[in-house]
Amino acid sequence: MTVSIYFESPDLAVFHGSGVLKREEVDEAKRAVHEHMMKHGPMRVIIQIDPDFQNLEAFVQWDDIDLDKEIQKHVSRMAIVGNLRWRDSALLFFMSAVSSFPMEFFSTDHEILARAWLES
């Protein structure tokens, strides 16, 4: 599995991305987040790009799924944590949806700062 998700609290979702992200797995994770949001309300999200992350699945259309607009309405903040070489690609990927919530990228060694920023 290249994408894993767990909920540290009712209002904090933690995603891990590793290897080559598969579209199917990403969409499945989004469905889990949406279901959780419908039960618990708005949340903060932290995306952790694992050291063995390689890229997105090639030749796949990475368009939004139907639930994305609803999910975006319920995200209060998003922190992305990973190797700085992924910064621009990650921000472009997540901003392509024209997010209406604050989003920041933090280097791997600044996860504590990312979590503090999510709380602010």
N, C-alpha and C. Protein backbone atom coordinates (compact mmCIF):
# COMPACT_ATOMS: atom_id res chain seq x y z
N MET A 1 0.85 -1.18 0.00
CA MET A 1 0.00 0.00 0.00
C MET A 1 0.89 1.24 0.00
N THR A 2 0.66 2.13 -0.92
CA THR A 2 1.47 3.33 -1.04
C THR A 2 0.89 4.51 -0.25
N VAL A 3 -0.37 4.41 0.13
CA VAL A 3 -1.02 5.47 0.89
C VAL A 3 -1.63 4.83 2.13
N SER A 4 -1.35 5.44 3.27
CA SER A 4 -2.03 5.00 4.48
C SER A 4 -2.59 6.23 5.17
N ILE A 5 -3.66 6.04 5.90
CA ILE A 5 -4.29 7.14 6.61
C ILE A 5 -4.74 6.64 7.98
N TYR A 6 -4.56 7.49 8.96
CA TYR A 6 -5.15 7.21 10.27
C TYR A 6 -5.55 8.54 10.89
N PHE A 7 -6.39 8.45 11.88
CA PHE A 7 -6.92 9.64 12.52
C PHE A 7 -6.37 9.69 13.95
N GLU A 8 -5.50 10.68 14.21
CA GLU A 8 -4.92 10.82 15.55
C GLU A 8 -5.94 11.33 16.54
N SER A 9 -6.91 12.05 16.05
CA SER A 9 -8.02 12.56 16.86
C SER A 9 -9.18 12.79 15.90
N PRO A 10 -10.35 13.10 16.42
CA PRO A 10 -11.48 13.32 15.51
C PRO A 10 -11.24 14.44 14.49
N ASP A 11 -10.32 15.38 14.82
CA ASP A 11 -10.11 16.49 13.89
C ASP A 11 -8.70 16.53 13.31
N LEU A 12 -7.98 15.39 13.30
CA LEU A 12 -6.64 15.36 12.70
C LEU A 12 -6.43 14.06 11.92
N ALA A 13 -6.30 14.22 10.59
CA ALA A 13 -6.03 13.08 9.71
C ALA A 13 -4.56 13.10 9.33
N VAL A 14 -3.92 11.93 9.36
CA VAL A 14 -2.51 11.81 9.01
C VAL A 14 -2.39 10.84 7.83
N PHE A 15 -1.87 11.36 6.72
CA PHE A 15 -1.62 10.55 5.53
C PHE A 15 -0.14 10.26 5.43
N HIS A 16 0.20 9.06 4.99
CA HIS A 16 1.59 8.72 4.66
C HIS A 16 1.60 8.30 3.19
N GLY A 17 2.53 8.85 2.43
CA GLY A 17 2.69 8.47 1.03
C GLY A 17 4.08 7.88 0.84
N SER A 18 4.14 6.71 0.21
CA SER A 18 5.44 6.08 -0.03
C SER A 18 5.43 5.42 -1.39
N GLY A 19 6.61 5.08 -1.86
CA GLY A 19 6.72 4.41 -3.15
C GLY A 19 6.12 5.25 -4.27
N VAL A 20 5.39 4.60 -5.16
CA VAL A 20 4.69 5.27 -6.25
C VAL A 20 3.22 5.34 -5.88
N LEU A 21 2.69 6.56 -5.69
CA LEU A 21 1.28 6.69 -5.31
C LEU A 21 0.37 6.22 -6.42
N LYS A 22 -0.55 5.36 -6.06
CA LYS A 22 -1.53 4.80 -7.01
C LYS A 22 -2.84 5.58 -6.88
N ARG A 23 -3.42 5.91 -7.99
CA ARG A 23 -4.66 6.70 -8.02
C ARG A 23 -5.76 6.01 -7.21
N GLU A 24 -5.92 4.72 -7.39
CA GLU A 24 -6.96 3.97 -6.70
C GLU A 24 -6.84 4.09 -5.18
N GLU A 25 -5.61 3.98 -4.67
CA GLU A 25 -5.38 4.05 -3.24
C GLU A 25 -5.62 5.46 -2.70
N VAL A 26 -5.23 6.46 -3.46
CA VAL A 26 -5.46 7.85 -3.05
C VAL A 26 -6.96 8.12 -2.97
N ASP A 27 -7.71 7.68 -3.97
CA ASP A 27 -9.16 7.89 -3.96
C ASP A 27 -9.82 7.15 -2.80
N GLU A 28 -9.33 5.97 -2.47
CA GLU A 28 -9.86 5.21 -1.33
C GLU A 28 -9.61 5.96 -0.03
N ALA A 29 -8.42 6.55 0.10
CA ALA A 29 -8.09 7.34 1.30
C ALA A 29 -9.01 8.56 1.39
N LYS A 30 -9.28 9.20 0.26
CA LYS A 30 -10.18 10.35 0.25
C LYS A 30 -11.57 9.95 0.72
N ARG A 31 -12.04 8.80 0.30
CA ARG A 31 -13.37 8.34 0.73
C ARG A 31 -13.40 8.13 2.24
N ALA A 32 -12.32 7.59 2.80
CA ALA A 32 -12.23 7.38 4.25
C ALA A 32 -12.26 8.72 4.98
N VAL A 33 -11.55 9.71 4.46
CA VAL A 33 -11.54 11.04 5.07
C VAL A 33 -12.93 11.66 5.01
N HIS A 34 -13.58 11.55 3.87
CA HIS A 34 -14.91 12.12 3.72
C HIS A 34 -15.88 11.49 4.72
N GLU A 35 -15.84 10.19 4.83
CA GLU A 35 -16.72 9.49 5.78
C GLU A 35 -16.44 9.96 7.21
N HIS A 36 -15.17 10.10 7.56
CA HIS A 36 -14.79 10.56 8.90
C HIS A 36 -15.28 12.00 9.13
N MET A 37 -15.14 12.86 8.13
CA MET A 37 -15.58 14.25 8.24
C MET A 37 -17.09 14.35 8.43
N MET A 38 -17.83 13.49 7.77
CA MET A 38 -19.28 13.52 7.89
C MET A 38 -19.71 13.14 9.31
N LYS A 39 -18.91 12.34 9.99
CA LYS A 39 -19.22 11.94 11.37
C LYS A 39 -18.69 12.94 12.39
N HIS A 40 -17.50 13.54 12.13
CA HIS A 40 -16.80 14.32 13.14
C HIS A 40 -16.63 15.80 12.80
N GLY A 41 -16.93 16.22 11.59
CA GLY A 41 -16.82 17.62 11.23
C GLY A 41 -15.45 18.00 10.67
N PRO A 42 -15.17 19.31 10.61
CA PRO A 42 -13.93 19.81 10.01
C PRO A 42 -12.68 19.23 10.66
N MET A 43 -11.60 19.20 9.88
CA MET A 43 -10.36 18.65 10.42
C MET A 43 -9.14 19.29 9.81
N ARG A 44 -8.04 19.06 10.50
CA ARG A 44 -6.72 19.44 10.02
C ARG A 44 -6.11 18.20 9.39
N VAL A 45 -5.22 18.40 8.43
CA VAL A 45 -4.62 17.27 7.72
C VAL A 45 -3.10 17.44 7.68
N ILE A 46 -2.40 16.35 7.95
CA ILE A 46 -0.96 16.36 7.77
C ILE A 46 -0.63 15.27 6.75
N ILE A 47 0.11 15.65 5.72
CA ILE A 47 0.56 14.72 4.68
C ILE A 47 2.04 14.47 4.94
N GLN A 48 2.41 13.23 5.17
CA GLN A 48 3.81 12.89 5.41
C GLN A 48 4.34 12.14 4.19
N ILE A 49 5.29 12.76 3.51
CA ILE A 49 5.92 12.15 2.35
C ILE A 49 7.10 11.34 2.88
N ASP A 50 6.95 10.02 2.86
CA ASP A 50 7.97 9.13 3.41
C ASP A 50 9.26 9.19 2.59
N PRO A 51 10.40 8.86 3.21
CA PRO A 51 11.68 8.93 2.51
C PRO A 51 11.75 8.07 1.24
N ASP A 52 10.97 6.98 1.19
CA ASP A 52 11.02 6.13 0.00
C ASP A 52 10.00 6.52 -1.07
N PHE A 53 9.34 7.69 -0.89
CA PHE A 53 8.40 8.16 -1.90
C PHE A 53 9.13 8.37 -3.23
N GLN A 54 8.50 7.91 -4.32
CA GLN A 54 9.13 8.04 -5.63
C GLN A 54 8.40 9.03 -6.53
N ASN A 55 7.09 8.95 -6.59
CA ASN A 55 6.32 9.86 -7.43
C ASN A 55 4.88 9.38 -7.52
N LEU A 56 4.10 10.04 -8.39
CA LEU A 56 2.74 9.63 -8.67
C LEU A 56 2.74 8.59 -9.78
N GLU A 57 1.73 7.75 -9.77
CA GLU A 57 1.57 6.74 -10.81
C GLU A 57 1.55 7.44 -12.18
N ALA A 58 2.39 6.97 -13.09
CA ALA A 58 2.52 7.61 -14.41
C ALA A 58 1.31 7.33 -15.29
N PHE A 59 1.03 8.27 -16.17
CA PHE A 59 0.00 8.14 -17.19
C PHE A 59 -1.40 7.97 -16.62
N VAL A 60 -1.61 8.47 -15.42
CA VAL A 60 -2.92 8.40 -14.79
C VAL A 60 -3.48 9.81 -14.70
N GLN A 61 -4.75 9.96 -14.97
CA GLN A 61 -5.41 11.25 -14.86
C GLN A 61 -5.68 11.51 -13.38
N TRP A 62 -5.10 12.54 -12.81
CA TRP A 62 -5.24 12.82 -11.38
C TRP A 62 -6.31 13.87 -11.13
N ASP A 63 -7.43 13.78 -11.84
CA ASP A 63 -8.54 14.69 -11.63
C ASP A 63 -9.18 14.44 -10.27
N ASP A 64 -9.90 15.45 -9.79
CA ASP A 64 -10.61 15.31 -8.53
C ASP A 64 -11.73 14.29 -8.67
N ILE A 65 -12.08 13.66 -7.55
CA ILE A 65 -13.26 12.80 -7.52
C ILE A 65 -14.41 13.64 -7.00
N ASP A 66 -15.62 13.14 -7.09
CA ASP A 66 -16.81 13.89 -6.69
C ASP A 66 -16.74 14.42 -5.26
N LEU A 67 -16.10 13.70 -4.37
CA LEU A 67 -16.06 14.09 -2.96
C LEU A 67 -15.06 15.19 -2.66
N ASP A 68 -14.16 15.50 -3.56
CA ASP A 68 -13.09 16.45 -3.27
C ASP A 68 -13.59 17.83 -2.86
N LYS A 69 -14.57 18.35 -3.53
CA LYS A 69 -15.07 19.69 -3.17
C LYS A 69 -15.64 19.69 -1.76
N GLU A 70 -16.32 18.62 -1.39
CA GLU A 70 -16.88 18.51 -0.04
C GLU A 70 -15.76 18.38 1.00
N ILE A 71 -14.75 17.60 0.69
CA ILE A 71 -13.61 17.44 1.59
C ILE A 71 -12.92 18.79 1.79
N GLN A 72 -12.68 19.50 0.69
CA GLN A 72 -11.98 20.79 0.77
C GLN A 72 -12.73 21.79 1.65
N LYS A 73 -14.05 21.73 1.64
CA LYS A 73 -14.84 22.63 2.48
C LYS A 73 -14.62 22.36 3.96
N HIS A 74 -14.21 21.13 4.30
CA HIS A 74 -14.10 20.73 5.70
C HIS A 74 -12.66 20.60 6.20
N VAL A 75 -11.69 21.01 5.39
CA VAL A 75 -10.29 21.02 5.84
C VAL A 75 -9.99 22.43 6.35
N SER A 76 -9.50 22.53 7.58
CA SER A 76 -9.20 23.85 8.12
C SER A 76 -7.75 24.26 7.81
N ARG A 77 -6.83 23.28 7.80
CA ARG A 77 -5.42 23.53 7.49
C ARG A 77 -4.79 22.25 7.00
N MET A 78 -3.74 22.39 6.18
CA MET A 78 -3.00 21.22 5.72
C MET A 78 -1.50 21.51 5.81
N ALA A 79 -0.80 20.59 6.46
CA ALA A 79 0.66 20.66 6.52
C ALA A 79 1.21 19.47 5.73
N ILE A 80 2.20 19.74 4.92
CA ILE A 80 2.87 18.69 4.15
C ILE A 80 4.29 18.60 4.68
N VAL A 81 4.72 17.40 5.05
CA VAL A 81 6.03 17.20 5.64
C VAL A 81 6.80 16.20 4.77
N GLY A 82 7.99 16.60 4.35
CA GLY A 82 8.80 15.69 3.54
C GLY A 82 10.11 16.32 3.12
N ASN A 83 10.83 15.59 2.30
CA ASN A 83 12.08 16.06 1.74
C ASN A 83 11.80 17.30 0.90
N LEU A 84 12.61 18.33 1.06
CA LEU A 84 12.38 19.59 0.34
C LEU A 84 12.37 19.43 -1.18
N ARG A 85 12.95 18.35 -1.69
CA ARG A 85 12.94 18.15 -3.15
C ARG A 85 11.51 17.96 -3.68
N TRP A 86 10.56 17.59 -2.80
CA TRP A 86 9.17 17.39 -3.20
C TRP A 86 8.31 18.62 -2.98
N ARG A 87 8.87 19.68 -2.41
CA ARG A 87 8.08 20.85 -2.02
C ARG A 87 7.23 21.41 -3.16
N ASP A 88 7.86 21.81 -4.24
CA ASP A 88 7.13 22.46 -5.34
C ASP A 88 6.09 21.53 -5.96
N SER A 89 6.47 20.28 -6.20
CA SER A 89 5.54 19.32 -6.79
C SER A 89 4.34 19.08 -5.88
N ALA A 90 4.59 18.93 -4.59
CA ALA A 90 3.50 18.68 -3.65
C ALA A 90 2.56 19.86 -3.57
N LEU A 91 3.11 21.07 -3.45
CA LEU A 91 2.25 22.25 -3.37
C LEU A 91 1.44 22.44 -4.64
N LEU A 92 2.06 22.21 -5.79
CA LEU A 92 1.32 22.31 -7.05
C LEU A 92 0.21 21.27 -7.13
N PHE A 93 0.51 20.06 -6.72
CA PHE A 93 -0.49 18.98 -6.76
C PHE A 93 -1.69 19.33 -5.89
N PHE A 94 -1.45 19.78 -4.66
CA PHE A 94 -2.55 20.07 -3.75
C PHE A 94 -3.21 21.40 -4.05
N MET A 95 -2.47 22.35 -4.58
CA MET A 95 -3.07 23.65 -4.89
C MET A 95 -3.85 23.64 -6.19
N SER A 96 -3.65 22.62 -7.00
CA SER A 96 -4.37 22.57 -8.27
C SER A 96 -5.87 22.57 -8.05
N ALA A 97 -6.28 22.19 -6.88
CA ALA A 97 -7.71 22.18 -6.56
C ALA A 97 -8.18 23.55 -6.09
N VAL A 98 -7.31 24.55 -6.11
CA VAL A 98 -7.60 25.89 -5.65
C VAL A 98 -8.17 25.81 -4.23
N SER A 99 -7.33 25.35 -3.35
CA SER A 99 -7.71 25.15 -1.95
C SER A 99 -8.15 26.45 -1.31
N SER A 100 -9.14 26.33 -0.45
CA SER A 100 -9.62 27.51 0.27
C SER A 100 -9.13 27.50 1.72
N PHE A 101 -8.11 26.69 2.01
CA PHE A 101 -7.59 26.59 3.36
C PHE A 101 -6.08 26.83 3.34
N PRO A 102 -5.52 27.27 4.48
CA PRO A 102 -4.07 27.49 4.54
C PRO A 102 -3.31 26.16 4.38
N MET A 103 -2.18 26.24 3.68
CA MET A 103 -1.37 25.06 3.41
C MET A 103 0.10 25.47 3.48
N GLU A 104 0.91 24.64 4.15
CA GLU A 104 2.35 24.92 4.26
C GLU A 104 3.12 23.62 4.07
N PHE A 105 4.36 23.76 3.59
CA PHE A 105 5.27 22.62 3.43
C PHE A 105 6.38 22.77 4.47
N PHE A 106 6.72 21.66 5.13
CA PHE A 106 7.78 21.64 6.13
C PHE A 106 8.74 20.52 5.80
N SER A 107 10.03 20.75 6.03
CA SER A 107 11.01 19.68 5.79
C SER A 107 10.80 18.58 6.83
N THR A 108 11.29 17.41 6.50
CA THR A 108 11.11 16.23 7.34
C THR A 108 11.53 16.48 8.79
N ASP A 109 12.61 17.20 8.99
CA ASP A 109 13.09 17.43 10.34
C ASP A 109 12.31 18.52 11.09
N HIS A 110 11.27 19.05 10.47
CA HIS A 110 10.43 20.07 11.11
C HIS A 110 8.99 19.62 11.32
N GLU A 111 8.80 18.33 11.50
CA GLU A 111 7.44 17.82 11.72
C GLU A 111 6.80 18.44 12.96
N ILE A 112 7.59 18.66 14.01
CA ILE A 112 7.05 19.28 15.24
C ILE A 112 6.52 20.67 14.93
N LEU A 113 7.24 21.42 14.11
CA LEU A 113 6.76 22.76 13.70
C LEU A 113 5.48 22.65 12.88
N ALA A 114 5.43 21.66 12.01
CA ALA A 114 4.23 21.45 11.18
C ALA A 114 3.01 21.19 12.06
N ARG A 115 3.20 20.36 13.06
CA ARG A 115 2.09 20.05 13.97
C ARG A 115 1.68 21.28 14.78
N ALA A 116 2.65 22.06 15.21
CA ALA A 116 2.35 23.30 15.94
C ALA A 116 1.60 24.27 15.03
N TRP A 117 2.02 24.37 13.78
CA TRP A 117 1.34 25.26 12.82
C TRP A 117 -0.11 24.82 12.62
N LEU A 118 -0.33 23.52 12.56
CA LEU A 118 -1.70 23.01 12.39
C LEU A 118 -2.59 23.44 13.56
N GLU A 119 -2.01 23.53 14.72
CA GLU A 119 -2.76 23.90 15.92
C GLU A 119 -3.05 25.39 16.02
N SER A 120 -2.27 26.21 15.31
CA SER A 120 -2.40 27.67 15.46
C SER A 120 -3.64 28.22 14.82
